[in-house]
Protein backbone atom coordinates (compact mmCIF):
# COMPACT_ATOMS: atom_id res chain seq x y z
CA MET A 1 71.77 -18.15 37.37
CA GLY A 2 75.38 -17.83 36.32
CA ALA A 3 77.98 -16.15 38.48
CA ASN A 4 77.91 -13.02 36.31
CA VAL A 5 74.14 -12.43 36.55
CA LYS A 6 73.44 -10.34 39.65
CA ASP A 7 70.10 -10.16 41.47
CA LEU A 8 69.48 -6.58 42.60
CA GLN A 9 68.26 -5.93 46.11
CA SER A 10 67.68 -2.16 45.99
CA LYS A 11 67.47 0.92 43.78
CA ALA A 12 70.61 2.26 45.48
CA GLU A 13 72.54 -0.82 44.38
CA LEU A 14 71.44 -0.25 40.79
CA ASP A 15 72.46 3.41 40.93
CA VAL A 16 75.97 2.45 42.04
CA ILE A 17 76.38 -0.01 39.16
CA LEU A 18 75.04 2.50 36.61
CA SER A 19 77.50 5.13 37.85
CA GLN A 20 80.37 2.90 36.70
CA GLY A 21 79.49 3.61 33.06
CA LYS A 22 79.58 0.03 31.73
CA PRO A 23 76.72 -1.25 29.53
CA VAL A 24 73.92 -2.67 31.70
CA ILE A 25 71.09 -5.03 30.78
CA LEU A 26 68.36 -5.19 33.41
CA HIS A 27 65.82 -8.06 33.38
CA PHE A 28 62.52 -7.65 35.26
CA TRP A 29 61.02 -11.08 35.94
CA ALA A 30 58.51 -12.92 38.14
CA GLU A 31 58.56 -16.40 39.64
CA TRP A 32 55.08 -17.25 38.36
CA CYS A 33 55.86 -16.24 34.78
CA GLU A 34 56.92 -19.11 32.52
CA ALA A 35 58.14 -16.68 29.86
CA SER A 36 60.50 -15.13 32.43
CA LYS A 37 62.06 -18.53 33.07
CA GLN A 38 62.51 -19.12 29.35
CA MET A 39 64.10 -15.72 28.81
CA ASP A 40 66.42 -16.35 31.77
CA GLN A 41 68.05 -19.12 29.74
CA VAL A 42 68.87 -16.69 26.94
CA PHE A 43 69.86 -14.02 29.45
CA TYR A 44 72.35 -16.39 31.10
CA HIS A 45 73.99 -17.39 27.81
CA LEU A 46 74.20 -13.79 26.62
CA CYS A 47 75.85 -12.87 29.91
CA THR A 48 78.49 -15.57 29.36
CA ASP A 49 79.12 -14.32 25.82
CA THR A 50 79.23 -10.63 26.79
CA PRO A 51 81.57 -10.33 29.79
CA TYR A 52 82.10 -6.56 29.35
CA ALA A 53 78.48 -5.74 30.22
CA ASN A 54 76.60 -6.00 33.53
CA PHE A 55 73.62 -8.37 33.52
CA LEU A 56 71.17 -7.68 36.35
CA ARG A 57 67.87 -9.22 37.42
CA VAL A 58 64.98 -7.73 39.38
CA GLU A 59 62.00 -9.58 40.83
CA ALA A 60 59.45 -7.05 39.54
CA GLU A 61 56.83 -7.43 42.26
CA GLN A 62 59.39 -7.68 45.07
CA GLN A 63 61.18 -4.47 44.05
CA PRO A 64 58.34 -1.99 43.29
CA GLU A 65 60.64 1.04 43.62
CA ILE A 66 62.81 -0.15 40.74
CA SER A 67 59.86 -1.40 38.68
CA GLU A 68 58.01 1.90 38.98
CA ALA A 69 61.15 3.87 38.12
CA TYR A 70 61.17 2.23 34.68
CA SER A 71 57.36 1.95 34.18
CA VAL A 72 57.36 -1.85 34.25
CA SER A 73 53.84 -3.23 33.87
CA ALA A 74 54.48 -6.68 32.41
CA VAL A 75 57.19 -9.31 32.55
CA PRO A 76 59.57 -10.27 31.11
CA PHE A 77 60.80 -6.71 30.57
CA PHE A 78 64.32 -5.54 29.77
CA VAL A 79 65.96 -2.13 30.12
CA PHE A 80 69.25 -1.35 28.34
CA PHE A 81 71.69 1.25 29.70
CA LYS A 82 74.75 2.87 28.17
CA ASP A 83 76.90 5.40 30.05
CA GLY A 84 74.37 5.25 32.86
CA LYS A 85 71.42 6.26 30.68
CA VAL A 86 68.46 4.27 29.32
CA VAL A 87 68.91 3.72 25.57
CA ASP A 88 66.36 1.00 24.85
CA THR A 89 63.71 -1.32 26.30
CA LEU A 90 62.13 -4.65 25.36
CA GLU A 91 58.82 -6.06 26.59
CA GLY A 92 57.79 -9.69 26.23
CA ALA A 93 59.51 -12.97 25.40
CA ASN A 94 61.42 -12.20 22.22
CA PRO A 95 64.78 -14.02 22.47
CA SER A 96 66.27 -12.95 19.14
CA GLU A 97 65.37 -9.30 19.72
CA LEU A 98 66.97 -9.50 23.16
CA ALA A 99 70.20 -10.88 21.67
CA ASN A 100 70.28 -8.16 19.04
CA LYS A 101 69.62 -5.36 21.54
CA VAL A 102 72.32 -6.72 23.86
CA ALA A 103 74.76 -6.71 20.94
CA LYS A 104 73.70 -3.18 20.01
CA VAL A 105 74.10 -1.69 23.49
CA SER A 106 77.48 -3.40 23.91
CA GLY A 107 78.54 -2.17 20.47
CA SER A 108 79.70 -5.55 19.22
CA ILE A 109 77.90 -6.00 15.86
CA ASP A 110 75.64 -4.50 13.23
CA ILE A 111 72.03 -5.37 13.91
CA ALA A 112 70.04 -7.42 11.41
CA GLU A 113 66.40 -6.69 10.59
CA THR A 114 64.31 -9.76 11.11
CA ASP A 115 62.99 -11.14 14.38
CA SER A 116 63.53 -14.77 13.45
CA PRO A 117 66.16 -16.80 15.32
CA ALA A 118 68.34 -16.65 12.21
CA SER A 119 68.65 -12.90 12.73
CA LEU A 120 70.88 -13.50 15.73
CA GLY A 121 73.79 -14.03 13.37
CA MET A 122 77.06 -12.92 14.97
CA SER A 123 75.28 -11.52 18.02
CA ALA A 124 74.95 -14.89 19.70
CA SER A 125 76.84 -18.11 20.21
CA SER A 126 75.57 -21.46 18.95
CA THR A 127 74.34 -22.22 22.47
CA VAL A 128 72.16 -19.10 22.48
CA ILE A 129 70.80 -19.86 19.02
CA GLU A 130 69.85 -23.40 20.06
CA THR A 131 68.13 -22.05 23.18
CA VAL A 132 66.21 -19.54 21.06
CA LYS A 133 65.11 -22.25 18.64
CA GLN A 134 63.73 -24.32 21.49
CA ILE A 135 61.88 -21.35 22.98
CA TYR A 136 60.48 -20.38 19.57
CA LYS A 137 58.92 -23.76 18.88
CA LEU A 138 55.70 -23.33 20.87
CA PRO A 139 54.92 -19.68 19.97
CA GLN A 140 55.55 -20.30 16.26
CA THR A 141 53.23 -23.28 16.21
CA ALA A 142 50.54 -21.41 18.10
CA LYS A 143 50.79 -18.38 15.84
CA THR A 144 50.52 -20.51 12.71
CA ASP A 145 47.39 -22.15 14.08
CA ILE A 146 45.83 -18.75 14.71
CA GLU A 147 46.65 -17.41 11.29
CA SER A 148 45.21 -20.45 9.55
CA GLY A 149 42.36 -21.31 11.92
CA ASP A 150 39.15 -19.37 11.33
CA ALA A 151 37.56 -21.33 14.16
CA VAL A 152 40.11 -20.04 16.66
CA LYS A 153 39.74 -16.46 15.41
CA SER A 154 35.99 -16.81 15.79
CA LYS A 155 36.46 -18.11 19.33
CA LEU A 156 38.64 -15.14 20.25
CA GLN A 157 36.14 -12.67 18.81
CA GLN A 158 33.30 -14.34 20.68
CA LEU A 159 35.27 -14.14 23.93
CA MET A 160 36.17 -10.47 23.40
CA ASN A 161 32.54 -9.61 22.68
CA SER A 162 30.99 -11.86 25.35
CA LYS A 163 30.85 -8.88 27.74
CA PRO A 164 30.93 -5.13 27.04
CA VAL A 165 34.02 -4.99 29.29
CA MET A 166 36.23 -8.07 29.05
CA LEU A 167 39.47 -8.78 30.90
CA PHE A 168 41.92 -11.45 29.77
CA MET A 169 44.04 -12.11 32.83
CA LYS A 170 46.16 -14.64 34.70
CA GLY A 171 43.87 -16.33 37.19
CA THR A 172 40.44 -15.06 38.18
CA PRO A 173 39.22 -11.81 39.76
CA GLU A 174 38.89 -13.70 43.07
CA GLU A 175 42.38 -15.26 42.73
CA PRO A 176 44.63 -13.30 40.37
CA ARG A 177 47.82 -15.19 39.44
CA CYS A 178 49.99 -12.14 38.84
CA GLY A 179 50.34 -8.69 40.35
CA PHE A 180 49.55 -6.89 37.10
CA SER A 181 46.24 -8.78 36.70
CA ARG A 182 45.45 -7.97 40.34
CA LYS A 183 46.00 -4.25 39.74
CA VAL A 184 43.60 -4.18 36.77
CA VAL A 185 40.96 -6.09 38.75
CA ASP A 186 41.27 -3.52 41.55
CA VAL A 187 40.85 -0.69 39.04
CA LEU A 188 37.70 -2.20 37.53
CA LYS A 189 36.22 -2.74 40.99
CA SER A 190 36.91 0.87 41.94
CA GLU A 191 35.30 2.06 38.68
CA GLY A 192 32.14 0.15 39.57
CA VAL A 193 31.79 -1.43 36.15
CA GLU A 194 30.53 -4.93 35.45
CA TYR A 195 33.01 -7.02 33.49
CA GLY A 196 33.73 -10.52 32.30
CA SER A 197 37.06 -12.29 32.61
CA PHE A 198 38.96 -15.15 31.04
CA ASP A 199 41.87 -17.00 32.67
CA ILE A 200 44.47 -17.26 29.89
CA LEU A 201 46.39 -19.81 31.98
CA SER A 202 43.52 -22.25 31.40
CA ASP A 203 43.78 -22.25 27.58
CA GLU A 204 47.17 -22.11 25.83
CA GLN A 205 45.54 -21.66 22.42
CA VAL A 206 43.68 -18.56 23.58
CA ARG A 207 46.76 -17.30 25.43
CA GLU A 208 49.08 -17.48 22.43
CA GLY A 209 46.40 -16.74 19.87
CA LEU A 210 45.28 -13.51 21.50
CA LYS A 211 48.83 -12.14 21.39
CA ALA A 212 48.83 -12.47 17.60
CA PHE A 213 45.19 -11.49 17.17
CA SER A 214 45.50 -8.26 19.16
CA ASN A 215 49.16 -7.59 18.34
CA TRP A 216 49.73 -7.18 22.08
CA PRO A 217 52.43 -9.46 23.58
CA THR A 218 51.54 -9.48 27.30
CA PHE A 219 48.71 -9.97 29.77
CA PRO A 220 46.42 -8.73 31.20
CA GLN A 221 44.52 -7.27 28.22
CA LEU A 222 41.41 -5.15 28.75
CA TYR A 223 38.71 -4.78 26.07
CA CYS A 224 35.71 -2.48 25.85
CA LYS A 225 33.00 -3.24 23.28
CA GLY A 226 35.42 -5.61 21.52
CA GLU A 227 38.21 -3.03 21.19
CA LEU A 228 41.52 -3.35 23.01
CA LEU A 229 42.12 -0.63 25.59
CA GLY A 230 45.55 -1.94 26.57
CA GLY A 231 47.43 -3.68 29.34
CA CYS A 232 48.09 -2.90 32.98
CA ASP A 233 50.05 0.33 32.52
CA ILE A 234 47.56 1.92 30.12
CA THR A 235 44.61 0.85 32.28
CA LEU A 236 46.21 2.42 35.37
CA GLU A 237 47.00 5.60 33.43
CA LEU A 238 43.42 5.86 32.13
CA HIS A 239 42.07 5.25 35.63
CA GLU A 240 44.29 7.86 37.27
CA SER A 241 43.41 10.51 34.68
CA GLY A 242 39.67 9.79 34.93
CA GLU A 243 39.47 8.80 31.26
CA LEU A 244 38.62 5.17 31.96
CA LYS A 245 35.47 6.22 33.79
CA GLN A 246 34.64 8.56 30.92
CA ILE A 247 35.08 5.75 28.36
CA PHE A 248 32.69 3.56 30.33
CA LYS A 249 30.24 6.46 30.61
CA ASP A 250 30.41 7.17 26.89
CA HIS A 251 29.47 3.56 26.23
CA GLY A 252 26.69 3.57 28.84
CA LEU A 253 28.42 0.92 30.94
CA LEU A 254 28.51 2.48 34.40
CA SER A 255 25.70 1.29 36.62
CA THR A 256 23.74 2.80 39.47
CA ALA A 257 21.26 1.19 41.87
CA ASN A 258 17.56 1.88 41.34
CA LYS A 259 14.94 1.91 44.10
CA SER A 260 14.62 -1.85 44.08
CA GLY A 261 18.37 -2.27 44.41
CA GLU A 262 18.79 -3.62 40.90
CA LEU A 263 21.63 -2.35 38.70
CA THR A 264 20.58 -0.26 35.74
CA ALA A 265 22.61 1.47 33.07
CA LYS A 266 23.19 5.15 33.76
CA ALA A 267 22.16 7.36 30.86
CA THR A 268 24.82 9.70 29.53
CA SER A 269 24.03 13.03 27.96
CA THR A 270 25.63 14.28 24.76
CA GLU A 271 24.13 17.76 25.17
CA PRO A 272 26.60 20.64 25.67
CA LYS A 273 27.16 21.74 29.27
CA PRO A 274 24.99 24.67 30.39
CA ASP A 275 28.07 26.81 31.14
CA THR A 276 29.49 26.51 27.61
CA VAL A 277 28.89 28.52 24.48
CA ILE A 278 29.02 27.13 20.96
CA SER A 279 31.74 28.77 18.90
CA GLU A 280 30.76 30.70 15.78
CA SER A 281 34.08 29.87 14.10
CA GLY A 282 32.73 26.82 12.33
CA ASN A 283 35.40 24.54 13.74
CA GLY A 284 33.10 22.62 16.04
CA GLY A 285 34.87 24.02 19.11
CA ILE A 286 33.48 25.74 22.17
CA ALA A 287 34.73 28.32 24.56
CA ASP A 288 34.23 27.27 28.17
CA SER A 289 33.43 30.07 30.59
CA THR A 290 35.10 28.08 33.38
CA GLY A 291 38.51 27.65 31.99
CA ILE A 292 40.11 27.26 28.57
CA SER A 293 42.34 30.23 27.87
CA GLU A 294 42.36 32.19 24.63
CA SER A 295 45.98 31.20 23.96
CA LEU A 296 45.24 27.50 24.46
CA SER A 297 42.14 27.76 22.29
CA SER A 298 44.24 29.37 19.55
CA ARG A 299 46.89 26.69 19.88
CA ILE A 300 44.36 23.85 19.66
CA ALA A 301 42.74 25.44 16.61
CA SER A 302 46.16 25.69 14.98
CA ILE A 303 46.84 21.98 15.57
CA ILE A 304 43.39 20.98 14.31
CA ASN A 305 43.92 22.93 11.09
CA SER A 306 47.52 21.82 10.56
CA ASN A 307 46.26 19.00 8.33
CA PRO A 308 43.01 18.58 6.34
CA ILE A 309 42.42 15.34 8.25
CA MET A 310 43.65 15.46 11.83
CA LEU A 311 43.50 12.67 14.39
CA PHE A 312 44.06 13.33 18.09
CA MET A 313 45.01 9.95 19.50
CA LYS A 314 46.90 8.07 22.17
CA GLY A 315 50.29 7.21 20.77
CA THR A 316 51.26 7.45 17.12
CA PRO A 317 49.89 5.79 13.96
CA GLU A 318 52.90 3.45 14.08
CA GLU A 319 52.47 2.71 17.81
CA PRO A 320 48.91 3.34 19.04
CA ARG A 321 48.58 3.26 22.83
CA CYS A 322 44.94 2.13 22.97
CA GLY A 323 42.64 -0.07 20.93
CA PHE A 324 40.27 2.77 19.99
CA SER A 325 43.14 4.83 18.57
CA ARG A 326 44.43 1.78 16.70
CA LYS A 327 41.00 1.23 15.15
CA ALA A 328 40.79 4.87 14.06
CA VAL A 329 44.18 4.60 12.35
CA GLU A 330 43.11 1.39 10.58
CA ILE A 331 39.94 3.06 9.27
CA LEU A 332 41.84 6.06 7.89
CA ARG A 333 44.47 3.86 6.28
CA GLU A 334 41.79 1.69 4.68
CA GLY A 335 40.34 4.89 3.24
CA GLY A 336 43.69 5.63 1.61
CA VAL A 337 43.91 9.23 2.83
CA GLU A 338 46.79 11.26 4.18
CA PHE A 339 46.21 12.37 7.76
CA GLY A 340 48.06 14.16 10.50
CA SER A 341 48.09 13.03 14.10
CA PHE A 342 48.76 14.44 17.54
CA ASN A 343 49.76 12.24 20.48
CA ILE A 344 47.71 13.64 23.35
CA LEU A 345 49.79 11.63 25.83
CA THR A 346 52.70 14.01 25.19
CA ASP A 347 50.87 17.23 26.10
CA GLU A 348 48.58 17.29 29.13
CA GLU A 349 47.43 20.86 28.41
CA VAL A 350 46.16 19.94 24.95
CA ARG A 351 44.81 16.62 26.22
CA GLN A 352 42.56 18.27 28.80
CA GLY A 353 41.89 21.49 26.87
CA LEU A 354 40.64 19.74 23.74
CA LYS A 355 37.93 17.98 25.75
CA THR A 356 36.49 21.40 26.62
CA TYR A 357 37.20 22.93 23.20
CA SER A 358 35.37 20.15 21.35
CA ASN A 359 32.86 19.25 24.08
CA TRP A 360 34.01 15.67 23.49
CA SER A 361 35.27 13.87 26.57
CA SER A 362 37.31 10.97 25.20
CA TYR A 363 39.92 10.02 22.61
CA PRO A 364 40.54 9.55 19.75
CA GLN A 365 38.95 12.60 18.10
CA LEU A 366 38.85 13.01 14.32
CA TYR A 367 38.65 16.38 12.52
CA ILE A 368 38.17 16.95 8.79
CA LYS A 369 38.86 20.46 7.47
CA GLY A 370 38.70 21.76 11.05
CA GLU A 371 35.33 20.19 11.90
CA LEU A 372 34.90 17.53 14.57
CA ILE A 373 33.67 14.21 13.18
CA GLY A 374 33.71 12.25 16.43
CA GLY A 375 35.44 9.35 18.16
CA SER A 376 36.11 5.74 17.18
CA ASP A 377 32.49 4.58 17.52
CA ILE A 378 31.25 7.23 15.12
CA MET A 379 34.17 6.58 12.77
CA ILE A 380 33.34 2.86 12.70
CA GLU A 381 29.66 3.52 11.92
CA MET A 382 30.47 6.08 9.22
CA HIS A 383 33.14 3.81 7.74
CA LYS A 384 30.72 0.87 7.48
CA SER A 385 28.00 3.01 5.88
CA GLY A 386 30.41 4.72 3.47
CA GLU A 387 29.54 8.11 4.93
CA LEU A 388 33.11 8.81 6.04
CA LYS A 389 34.41 8.38 2.49
CA ASN A 390 31.69 10.70 1.19
CA ILE A 391 32.62 13.42 3.69
CA VAL A 392 36.28 13.18 2.69
CA LEU A 393 35.35 13.56 -0.98
CA GLU A 394 32.92 16.42 -0.29
CA LYS A 395 35.64 18.27 1.61
CA GLY A 396 37.97 17.90 -1.36
CA VAL A 397 40.60 15.83 0.47
CA LEU A 398 42.36 13.76 -2.18
CA PRO A 399 43.18 10.10 -1.45
CA LYS A 400 46.88 9.49 -1.08
CA GLU A 401 48.79 7.36 -3.50
CA SER A 402 48.63 3.68 -2.52
CA LEU A 403 51.73 2.26 -0.89
CA ASP A 404 51.95 -0.42 -3.57
CA ASN A 405 52.05 2.19 -6.35
CA ARG A 406 54.55 4.25 -4.43
CA LEU A 407 56.86 1.27 -3.95
CA LYS A 408 56.60 0.39 -7.66
CA LYS A 409 57.65 3.92 -8.59
CA LEU A 410 60.56 3.87 -6.15
CA VAL A 411 61.80 0.45 -7.27
CA ASN A 412 61.71 1.60 -10.90
CA SER A 413 63.07 5.11 -10.29
CA SER A 414 66.55 3.99 -11.42
CA PRO A 415 67.68 0.99 -13.50
CA ILE A 416 69.85 -0.07 -10.55
CA MET A 417 68.12 0.80 -7.28
CA LEU A 418 69.47 0.18 -3.78
CA PHE A 419 67.30 0.37 -0.66
CA MET A 420 69.73 0.76 2.21
CA LYS A 421 70.29 2.13 5.70
CA GLY A 422 71.76 5.58 5.30
CA THR A 423 73.26 6.91 2.06
CA PRO A 424 76.17 5.75 -0.14
CA ASP A 425 78.31 8.53 1.39
CA ALA A 426 77.28 7.65 4.95
CA PRO A 427 75.95 4.08 5.27
CA ARG A 428 74.23 3.35 8.59
CA CYS A 429 75.02 -0.38 8.76
CA GLY A 430 77.87 -2.64 7.69
CA PHE A 431 75.77 -4.66 5.25
CA SER A 432 74.68 -1.53 3.35
CA SER A 433 78.29 -0.34 3.29
CA LYS A 434 79.46 -3.62 1.75
CA VAL A 435 76.88 -3.47 -1.08
CA VAL A 436 77.76 0.17 -1.82
CA ASN A 437 81.45 -0.78 -2.02
CA ALA A 438 80.69 -3.69 -4.37
CA LEU A 439 78.68 -1.46 -6.74
CA ASN A 440 81.36 1.24 -6.67
CA GLU A 441 84.10 -1.28 -7.42
CA GLU A 442 82.11 -2.43 -10.44
CA GLY A 443 81.86 1.19 -11.60
CA LEU A 444 78.05 1.09 -11.65
CA ASP A 445 75.76 4.10 -11.33
CA PHE A 446 72.81 3.44 -9.04
CA GLY A 447 69.94 5.16 -7.31
CA HIS A 448 69.37 4.77 -3.60
CA PHE A 449 66.73 5.22 -0.89
CA ASP A 450 67.40 5.52 2.84
CA ILE A 451 64.81 3.22 4.44
CA LEU A 452 65.54 4.76 7.86
CA SER A 453 63.92 7.98 6.61
CA ASP A 454 60.51 6.43 5.88
CA GLU A 455 59.00 3.76 8.13
CA GLU A 456 56.12 3.13 5.70
CA VAL A 457 58.53 2.27 2.87
CA ARG A 458 60.76 0.29 5.23
CA GLN A 459 57.96 -2.01 6.38
CA GLY A 460 56.05 -2.05 3.09
CA LEU A 461 59.03 -3.12 1.01
CA LYS A 462 59.50 -6.22 3.15
CA THR A 463 56.07 -7.44 2.05
CA TYR A 464 56.36 -6.09 -1.50
CA SER A 465 59.61 -7.98 -2.13
CA ASN A 466 58.97 -10.87 0.27
CA TRP A 467 62.47 -10.12 1.58
CA PRO A 468 62.68 -9.36 5.33
CA THR A 469 66.03 -7.54 5.61
CA PHE A 470 67.99 -4.62 4.18
CA PRO A 471 69.79 -3.68 2.00
CA GLN A 472 67.78 -4.77 -1.07
CA LEU A 473 69.13 -4.33 -4.62
CA TYR A 474 66.85 -4.08 -7.68
CA TYR A 475 67.56 -4.08 -11.41
CA LYS A 476 64.86 -2.82 -13.78
CA GLY A 477 62.26 -3.29 -11.05
CA GLU A 478 63.25 -6.87 -10.22
CA LEU A 479 64.78 -7.86 -6.89
CA ILE A 480 68.37 -9.12 -7.14
CA GLY A 481 68.78 -9.83 -3.44
CA GLY A 482 70.42 -8.69 -0.24
CA CYS A 483 73.99 -8.30 0.94
CA ASP A 484 75.02 -11.97 0.76
CA ILE A 485 73.74 -12.48 -2.80
CA VAL A 486 75.26 -9.24 -4.08
CA LEU A 487 78.66 -10.08 -2.56
CA GLU A 488 78.57 -13.60 -4.02
CA MET A 489 77.81 -12.21 -7.51
CA HIS A 490 80.57 -9.61 -7.10
CA LYS A 491 83.10 -12.23 -6.05
CA ALA A 492 82.10 -14.52 -8.95
CA GLY A 493 82.39 -11.66 -11.47
CA GLU A 494 78.68 -11.85 -12.32
CA LEU A 495 77.41 -8.63 -10.75
CA LYS A 496 78.24 -6.11 -13.48
CA SER A 497 77.03 -8.31 -16.34
CA SER A 498 73.77 -9.04 -14.48
CA LEU A 499 73.11 -5.34 -13.93
CA THR A 500 73.90 -4.20 -17.49
CA GLU A 501 71.98 -6.71 -19.58
């Protein structure tokens, strides 16, 4: 490591550095992790190029007090501080994103959109860019193979479904090769569930392919009935709350010894508890004589009825925190319906109270017009049979406008249309500001859309236009280009004539 990269020895040492108020970039790493070593190269070069920030390293498993303070469950992991406060984090080996986040926290440049090495732009020296290109070679090749190889996809699906509970880990249950894998193994043992495992260190194609397939960048990864539950942190959280045991129960996976000592599946009952009374309100809820208060019941009912289709899930539709919630979101989006959501991880009272209210012990939970439909398993079955679509239609819930149609309308809403960060009066990035200035200097009237206000449009337009960054300028529904192209046309005197033909 370079002279300016400091290895922390204690939480107290970190607190002293943070109290100084300078920007701080903290890298959690592990000796066994190859990705940590690769990211160290980028970290070192960024430190050299950014002398006004503090670059710190922490051996994640050797400094549990610091790791736990920032909820570190996988390495490499980066935490960004400004004025002594956490302003951003980054998990996984993403060199270009690290460079951009370093530049952002140190306030040196405007941040570009794309995650490709080219997006580093002014945020990194040529040495950093070359390092990033070298690091990107293997993951890019592996990802391309996955996207084009049906055989590999089939292999991954077979592995995920080879056992009802499947753990992709570093090493084996008997000899874990990382502390995070060890923790998940310990959890599964304490839950008493049978599970299969796969050592991702033994197969690079599976290791890299599963990251793309599951859209989850780190290991371990835990699956139940072919659906991703999550990594180490989510598994520990589910275990501590008792929800992991409930998930296994709901799927009939917990075992108990019979008289002969053999393991048999324990039956689970879906009948209401004897101390509960079915509600007459027609909302599928129950009032539990042992606990749920009238005020909480009223609050839950209000949330359920806040949208015709309401999904109680872990995380958000944009960032699901478990595989079952992700699958539920995918099903609803495929159905083309508007739906509301509630992140039960943000409200423990609702999280626990809804289990009693609905007499449904796990998440996600889907409600249509106030009535409980069920969890992800039921949603999957109803989606495959077409029954879910029929219920939506019977309840009079209209399908939402497709994203493609919405984008077409937006693109054509003005002859000259600019998709930018912020507004013409208050641009939120330098590139958007430059395009606005060019159009104003040409004396052109134009419509605009702030892509920061709508994540669906922001992401959808990248695919629609096959253009990964913003701003984007359109004329009569056709893409002109981004900042560089618009400025070139303006400088050459071609912009006005091209936009008034």
